[in-house]
């Protein structure tokens, strides 16, 4: 368990000044140290910060604890890339139709990684408690579940009502990596569509890295201040990377590349870990830049997904 007083001190003592934080994806990823707890924003294949995840693997980060509300295909890549020692989530699968990750099962069953599973709601409460700077949140969630036998949640009797409660411990990531629609150079960030747990993750973490579809001026941000869900004083790095979630989706800009998901799933079903290694060679190690990586999908495919993504505004 993280000492929540020490975690709060780290957040309180960081530089909160309103300064420009724009940097390259390589520079931002170097803020992540071996052994860090890295929390990723978004959920499943929505809002996944794929550009940074790819760079984490390329920089050979090691012994990371990773957490996310629902882990998707990116979890396989981080496992086989040798980056992870512990995974904290409520679900580890590319998607419901693809089944539980075969890669995760192999790594857990062979004790190559520790898998810590919470309910969907309780992991969000862990981030919420971290954002609030408190050690736990009481809830009815998970009471009666076998999950309580395997995680650090506790039970107590409410001193006011006499009812049994479940105490969900706070989570304080060392680094949060979040993909957003737009932000100014200082880190004021706006997210369209569902907000997920991104705002809480940003407030709970000691460092925050934003990848953004587009950097806009502070004047534009101030025109619609109610849309800013992550304020500048939480943020340490801003990286402009269009299509930074691809082949996952960014709401209203591009949809998931389901064809690519099917191709990836076929490889893992047929070849398991060796298939993921082949995938990493092609999509992570060989392309020198993120632009080179995107070129592997082809302009036609990306434009199709972009057109489909923008249909929500029609």
Protein backbone atom coordinates (compact mmCIF):
# COMPACT_ATOMS: atom_id res chain seq x y z
CA UNK A 1 0.00 0.00 0.00
CA UNK A 2 1.13 3.53 -0.79
CA UNK A 3 1.45 5.92 2.16
CA UNK A 4 -1.30 8.38 1.27
CA UNK A 5 0.29 11.20 3.28
CA UNK A 6 3.54 10.84 1.33
CA UNK A 7 1.57 10.58 -1.92
CA UNK A 8 -0.28 13.80 -1.13
CA UNK A 9 3.00 15.54 -0.30
CA UNK A 10 4.46 14.55 -3.68
CA UNK A 11 1.47 16.06 -5.46
CA UNK A 12 1.40 19.19 -3.30
CA UNK A 13 5.13 19.85 -3.69
CA UNK A 14 5.31 19.56 -7.48
CA UNK A 15 5.70 22.65 -9.64
CA UNK A 16 2.16 23.97 -10.19
CA UNK A 17 3.19 27.04 -12.17
CA UNK A 18 1.48 27.94 -15.44
CA UNK A 19 4.34 27.23 -17.83
CA UNK A 20 4.65 25.71 -21.28
CA UNK A 21 5.07 21.93 -21.11
CA UNK A 22 5.14 20.93 -24.77
CA UNK A 23 7.77 18.29 -25.52
CA UNK A 24 8.49 15.33 -27.76
CA UNK A 25 7.05 11.90 -27.12
CA UNK A 26 10.54 10.60 -26.35
CA UNK A 27 11.13 13.32 -23.74
CA UNK A 28 7.73 12.77 -22.12
CA UNK A 29 8.23 9.01 -21.87
CA UNK A 30 11.54 9.53 -20.09
CA UNK A 31 9.52 10.98 -17.18
CA UNK A 32 8.50 7.36 -16.52
CA UNK A 33 11.08 5.49 -14.45
CA UNK A 34 11.62 1.78 -14.04
CA UNK A 35 9.47 0.50 -11.17
CA UNK A 36 6.87 3.27 -11.48
CA UNK A 37 3.13 2.76 -11.20
CA UNK A 38 1.73 4.03 -14.50
CA UNK A 39 -2.02 4.61 -14.85
CA UNK A 40 -3.51 4.85 -18.34
CA UNK A 41 -6.59 6.89 -19.17
CA UNK A 42 -9.53 5.87 -21.32
CA UNK A 43 -11.27 2.53 -21.13
CA UNK A 44 -10.78 -0.65 -23.14
CA UNK A 45 -10.18 0.50 -26.74
CA UNK A 46 -11.41 4.07 -26.17
CA UNK A 47 -8.99 6.91 -25.50
CA UNK A 48 -6.00 4.59 -25.14
CA UNK A 49 -2.69 6.53 -25.19
CA UNK A 50 -1.16 4.15 -27.74
CA UNK A 51 1.61 6.51 -28.85
CA UNK A 52 3.13 6.63 -25.36
CA UNK A 53 2.54 2.92 -24.80
CA UNK A 54 4.50 2.19 -27.96
CA UNK A 55 7.32 4.46 -26.77
CA UNK A 56 7.34 2.85 -23.29
CA UNK A 57 8.05 -0.47 -24.96
CA UNK A 58 10.66 1.05 -27.31
CA UNK A 59 12.48 2.62 -24.34
CA UNK A 60 12.43 -0.75 -22.56
CA UNK A 61 10.87 0.44 -19.32
CA UNK A 62 10.94 -2.34 -16.72
CA UNK A 63 9.16 -3.50 -13.54
CA UNK A 64 6.17 -1.22 -14.05
CA UNK A 65 2.90 -1.54 -12.23
CA UNK A 66 0.21 -0.65 -14.74
CA UNK A 67 -3.39 0.22 -13.94
CA UNK A 68 -6.44 1.08 -16.00
CA UNK A 69 -10.19 0.79 -15.58
CA UNK A 70 -10.35 -1.83 -18.36
CA UNK A 71 -7.19 -3.07 -20.09
CA UNK A 72 -7.41 -3.88 -23.79
CA UNK A 73 -4.91 -5.07 -26.42
CA UNK A 74 -2.28 -2.64 -25.16
CA UNK A 75 -1.88 -4.83 -22.07
CA UNK A 76 -0.65 -7.75 -24.18
CA UNK A 77 1.95 -5.53 -25.82
CA UNK A 78 3.27 -4.23 -22.51
CA UNK A 79 3.47 -7.75 -21.07
CA UNK A 80 5.33 -9.27 -24.00
CA UNK A 81 7.45 -6.12 -24.27
CA UNK A 82 8.82 -7.01 -20.83
CA UNK A 83 7.61 -3.81 -19.15
CA UNK A 84 5.19 -5.09 -16.50
CA UNK A 85 5.52 -6.75 -13.11
CA UNK A 86 1.97 -6.05 -11.87
CA UNK A 87 -1.33 -5.25 -13.60
CA UNK A 88 -4.25 -3.68 -11.73
CA UNK A 89 -7.58 -3.52 -13.54
CA UNK A 90 -11.16 -4.78 -13.63
CA UNK A 91 -10.93 -6.55 -17.00
CA UNK A 92 -8.10 -7.61 -19.28
CA UNK A 93 -9.30 -8.26 -22.82
CA UNK A 94 -9.29 -6.66 -26.24
CA UNK A 95 -13.07 -6.60 -26.05
CA UNK A 96 -15.97 -8.77 -24.93
CA UNK A 97 -16.25 -10.45 -28.33
CA UNK A 98 -12.54 -11.35 -28.31
CA UNK A 99 -12.57 -13.14 -24.95
CA UNK A 100 -10.19 -12.85 -22.01
CA UNK A 101 -6.61 -12.18 -23.09
CA UNK A 102 -4.78 -15.40 -23.85
CA UNK A 103 -1.51 -13.56 -23.27
CA UNK A 104 -2.54 -12.32 -19.82
CA UNK A 105 -3.61 -15.83 -18.82
CA UNK A 106 -0.27 -17.29 -19.83
CA UNK A 107 1.72 -14.63 -17.97
CA UNK A 108 -0.39 -14.95 -14.82
CA UNK A 109 -0.55 -18.75 -14.82
CA UNK A 110 3.23 -18.98 -15.28
CA UNK A 111 3.71 -16.34 -12.54
CA UNK A 112 5.53 -13.94 -14.85
CA UNK A 113 3.30 -11.09 -13.67
CA UNK A 114 0.94 -10.35 -10.79
CA UNK A 115 -2.68 -9.72 -11.79
CA UNK A 116 -4.84 -7.75 -9.35
CA UNK A 117 -8.53 -7.63 -10.25
CA UNK A 118 -11.12 -5.22 -8.87
CA UNK A 119 -14.71 -4.58 -9.89
CA UNK A 120 -15.35 -1.95 -12.56
CA UNK A 121 -16.76 0.48 -10.02
CA UNK A 122 -14.24 -0.15 -7.27
CA UNK A 123 -11.18 0.60 -9.41
CA UNK A 124 -12.79 3.92 -10.32
CA UNK A 125 -13.28 4.56 -6.61
CA UNK A 126 -9.58 3.84 -6.04
CA UNK A 127 -8.69 6.66 -8.43
CA UNK A 128 -11.41 8.86 -6.91
CA UNK A 129 -9.97 8.42 -3.41
CA UNK A 130 -6.52 9.24 -4.74
CA UNK A 131 -7.86 12.37 -6.40
CA UNK A 132 -9.50 13.41 -3.13
CA UNK A 133 -6.30 12.74 -1.17
CA UNK A 134 -7.96 10.35 1.26
CA UNK A 135 -6.86 6.80 2.16
CA UNK A 136 -10.09 5.00 1.22
CA UNK A 137 -13.72 5.32 0.16
CA UNK A 138 -16.59 3.36 1.78
CA UNK A 139 -19.07 1.64 -0.53
CA UNK A 140 -21.43 -1.31 -0.82
CA UNK A 141 -19.64 -2.41 -4.00
CA UNK A 142 -17.89 -5.83 -3.90
CA UNK A 143 -19.60 -6.93 -0.66
CA UNK A 144 -20.33 -10.63 -1.03
CA UNK A 145 -17.82 -10.96 -3.88
CA UNK A 146 -14.92 -13.39 -3.89
CA UNK A 147 -12.76 -10.47 -5.03
CA UNK A 148 -12.51 -9.43 -1.38
CA UNK A 149 -10.43 -12.56 -0.72
CA UNK A 150 -7.75 -11.47 -3.17
CA UNK A 151 -7.39 -7.69 -2.82
CA UNK A 152 -6.61 -5.20 -0.07
CA UNK A 153 -10.16 -3.95 0.44
CA UNK A 154 -11.53 -4.19 3.99
CA UNK A 155 -14.94 -4.54 5.60
CA UNK A 156 -16.26 -2.43 8.45
CA UNK A 157 -19.48 -1.67 10.27
CA UNK A 158 -20.67 1.89 9.68
CA UNK A 159 -20.65 3.76 13.03
CA UNK A 160 -23.73 5.75 11.98
CA UNK A 161 -26.02 3.13 10.45
CA UNK A 162 -24.68 -0.22 11.64
CA UNK A 163 -24.53 -1.45 8.03
CA UNK A 164 -21.60 -3.39 6.63
CA UNK A 165 -19.40 -1.40 4.24
CA UNK A 166 -16.51 -2.20 1.95
CA UNK A 167 -13.49 0.11 2.22
CA UNK A 168 -11.77 0.67 -1.14
CA UNK A 169 -8.15 1.85 -0.76
CA UNK A 170 -6.91 4.87 -2.67
CA UNK A 171 -4.55 4.52 -5.61
CA UNK A 172 -1.78 7.07 -6.18
CA UNK A 173 0.01 6.38 -9.48
CA UNK A 174 3.50 7.73 -9.99
CA UNK A 175 2.58 8.69 -13.54
CA UNK A 176 -0.72 9.13 -15.38
CA UNK A 177 -0.75 8.91 -19.18
CA UNK A 178 -3.93 10.29 -20.73
CA UNK A 179 -4.97 10.93 -24.33
CA UNK A 180 -7.23 13.95 -24.83
CA UNK A 181 -8.89 15.77 -27.70
CA UNK A 182 -7.21 19.13 -27.16
CA UNK A 183 -5.10 21.06 -24.68
CA UNK A 184 -3.21 24.32 -24.51
CA UNK A 185 0.60 24.37 -24.10
CA UNK A 186 0.19 24.65 -20.31
CA UNK A 187 -1.85 21.43 -20.02
CA UNK A 188 -5.44 22.62 -19.68
CA UNK A 189 -7.14 19.66 -21.33
CA UNK A 190 -10.57 19.04 -22.83
CA UNK A 191 -12.13 15.64 -23.52
CA UNK A 192 -15.18 15.12 -25.73
CA UNK A 193 -17.62 12.28 -25.16
CA UNK A 194 -17.41 10.07 -22.09
CA UNK A 195 -14.89 11.36 -19.52
CA UNK A 196 -14.02 7.91 -18.10
CA UNK A 197 -11.92 8.19 -14.91
CA UNK A 198 -9.37 10.47 -16.57
CA UNK A 199 -9.87 13.55 -14.37
CA UNK A 200 -9.50 11.49 -11.18
CA UNK A 201 -6.45 9.65 -12.51
CA UNK A 202 -4.80 12.99 -13.32
CA UNK A 203 -5.46 14.37 -9.84
CA UNK A 204 -4.30 11.18 -8.10
CA UNK A 205 -0.96 10.91 -9.93
CA UNK A 206 2.36 12.53 -9.03
CA UNK A 207 3.13 13.20 -12.72
CA UNK A 208 0.74 13.60 -15.66
CA UNK A 209 1.62 13.14 -19.32
CA UNK A 210 -0.96 14.27 -21.87
CA UNK A 211 -0.97 13.17 -25.48
CA UNK A 212 -3.27 15.40 -27.46
CA UNK A 213 -4.90 15.31 -30.86
CA UNK A 214 -4.38 19.06 -31.16
CA UNK A 215 -2.68 21.81 -29.19
CA UNK A 216 -4.76 24.98 -29.12
CA UNK A 217 -4.18 28.40 -27.61
CA UNK A 218 -4.98 29.31 -24.04
CA UNK A 219 -7.35 31.95 -25.44
CA UNK A 220 -9.39 29.19 -27.09
CA UNK A 221 -9.43 27.19 -23.86
CA UNK A 222 -10.71 30.21 -21.94
CA UNK A 223 -13.63 30.67 -24.33
CA UNK A 224 -15.18 27.43 -23.01
CA UNK A 225 -13.64 26.92 -19.57
CA UNK A 226 -16.36 24.50 -18.47
CA UNK A 227 -14.99 21.95 -20.95
CA UNK A 228 -11.58 21.77 -19.27
CA UNK A 229 -11.59 18.56 -17.24
CA UNK A 230 -7.86 18.39 -16.46
CA UNK A 231 -6.33 21.68 -15.26
CA UNK A 232 -2.78 22.82 -16.02
CA UNK A 233 -1.51 22.47 -12.47
CA UNK A 234 -1.88 18.68 -12.66
CA UNK A 235 0.11 18.33 -15.88
CA UNK A 236 3.85 17.84 -16.46
CA UNK A 237 4.07 17.13 -20.20
CA UNK A 238 2.00 17.90 -23.30
CA UNK A 239 2.70 15.94 -26.48
CA UNK A 240 0.86 16.74 -29.70
CA UNK A 241 0.29 13.45 -31.50
CA UNK A 242 -2.64 13.27 -33.94
CA UNK A 243 -4.17 9.79 -34.04
CA UNK A 244 -2.32 9.08 -30.82
CA UNK A 245 -4.86 6.44 -29.78
CA UNK A 246 -4.88 4.55 -33.11
CA UNK A 247 -5.86 1.75 -33.79
CA UNK A 248 -8.06 2.44 -30.76
CA UNK A 249 -10.59 5.28 -30.94
CA UNK A 250 -10.76 8.94 -30.05
CA UNK A 251 -14.42 9.91 -29.75
CA UNK A 252 -15.70 12.10 -32.58
CA UNK A 253 -12.39 12.01 -34.47
CA UNK A 254 -11.85 8.36 -35.44
CA UNK A 255 -13.36 5.00 -34.63
CA UNK A 256 -11.51 1.80 -33.67
CA UNK A 257 -9.86 -0.17 -36.44
CA UNK A 258 -11.88 -3.35 -35.93
CA UNK A 259 -10.29 -5.03 -38.92
CA UNK A 260 -6.89 -4.57 -37.30
CA UNK A 261 -8.24 -5.97 -34.02
CA UNK A 262 -9.38 -9.10 -35.85
CA UNK A 263 -5.98 -9.48 -37.49
CA UNK A 264 -4.23 -9.12 -34.12
CA UNK A 265 -6.60 -11.55 -32.39
CA UNK A 266 -6.02 -14.13 -35.12
CA UNK A 267 -2.25 -13.89 -34.58
CA UNK A 268 -2.52 -14.36 -30.81
CA UNK A 269 -4.92 -17.29 -31.12
CA UNK A 270 -2.65 -19.06 -33.59
CA UNK A 271 0.78 -18.17 -32.19
CA UNK A 272 0.26 -16.87 -28.67
CA UNK A 273 3.21 -14.93 -27.24
CA UNK A 274 5.30 -15.56 -30.36
CA UNK A 275 2.58 -13.86 -32.41
CA UNK A 276 2.74 -10.80 -30.18
CA UNK A 277 6.52 -10.71 -30.56
CA UNK A 278 6.06 -10.63 -34.34
CA UNK A 279 3.49 -7.85 -33.92
CA UNK A 280 5.90 -5.83 -31.75
CA UNK A 281 8.65 -6.18 -34.33
CA UNK A 282 6.39 -4.87 -37.08
CA UNK A 283 4.45 -2.14 -35.26
CA UNK A 284 6.69 -1.05 -32.38
CA UNK A 285 10.37 -1.72 -32.99
CA UNK A 286 10.74 -1.31 -36.76
CA UNK A 287 8.87 2.02 -37.29
CA UNK A 288 11.21 4.78 -36.12
CA UNK A 289 8.48 7.36 -35.53
CA UNK A 290 4.80 7.35 -34.72
CA UNK A 291 4.14 8.66 -38.21
CA UNK A 292 5.99 5.63 -39.63
CA UNK A 293 3.82 3.45 -37.40
CA UNK A 294 0.62 5.04 -38.73
CA UNK A 295 1.76 4.50 -42.31
CA UNK A 296 1.59 0.74 -41.73
CA UNK A 297 -2.20 0.98 -41.49
CA UNK A 298 -2.50 2.82 -44.79
CA UNK A 299 -4.07 6.17 -45.57
CA UNK A 300 -7.28 4.59 -46.88
CA UNK A 301 -7.93 2.65 -43.67
CA UNK A 302 -7.25 5.68 -41.45
CA UNK A 303 -9.51 7.92 -43.54
CA UNK A 304 -12.31 5.34 -43.35
CA UNK A 305 -12.04 5.24 -39.56
CA UNK A 306 -11.91 9.06 -39.44
CA UNK A 307 -15.07 9.39 -41.52
CA UNK A 308 -16.87 6.83 -39.32
CA UNK A 309 -15.72 8.61 -36.15
CA UNK A 310 -17.06 11.97 -37.26
CA UNK A 311 -20.52 10.60 -38.00
CA UNK A 312 -21.45 11.20 -34.34
CA UNK A 313 -21.70 14.90 -35.22
CA UNK A 314 -23.96 14.43 -38.25
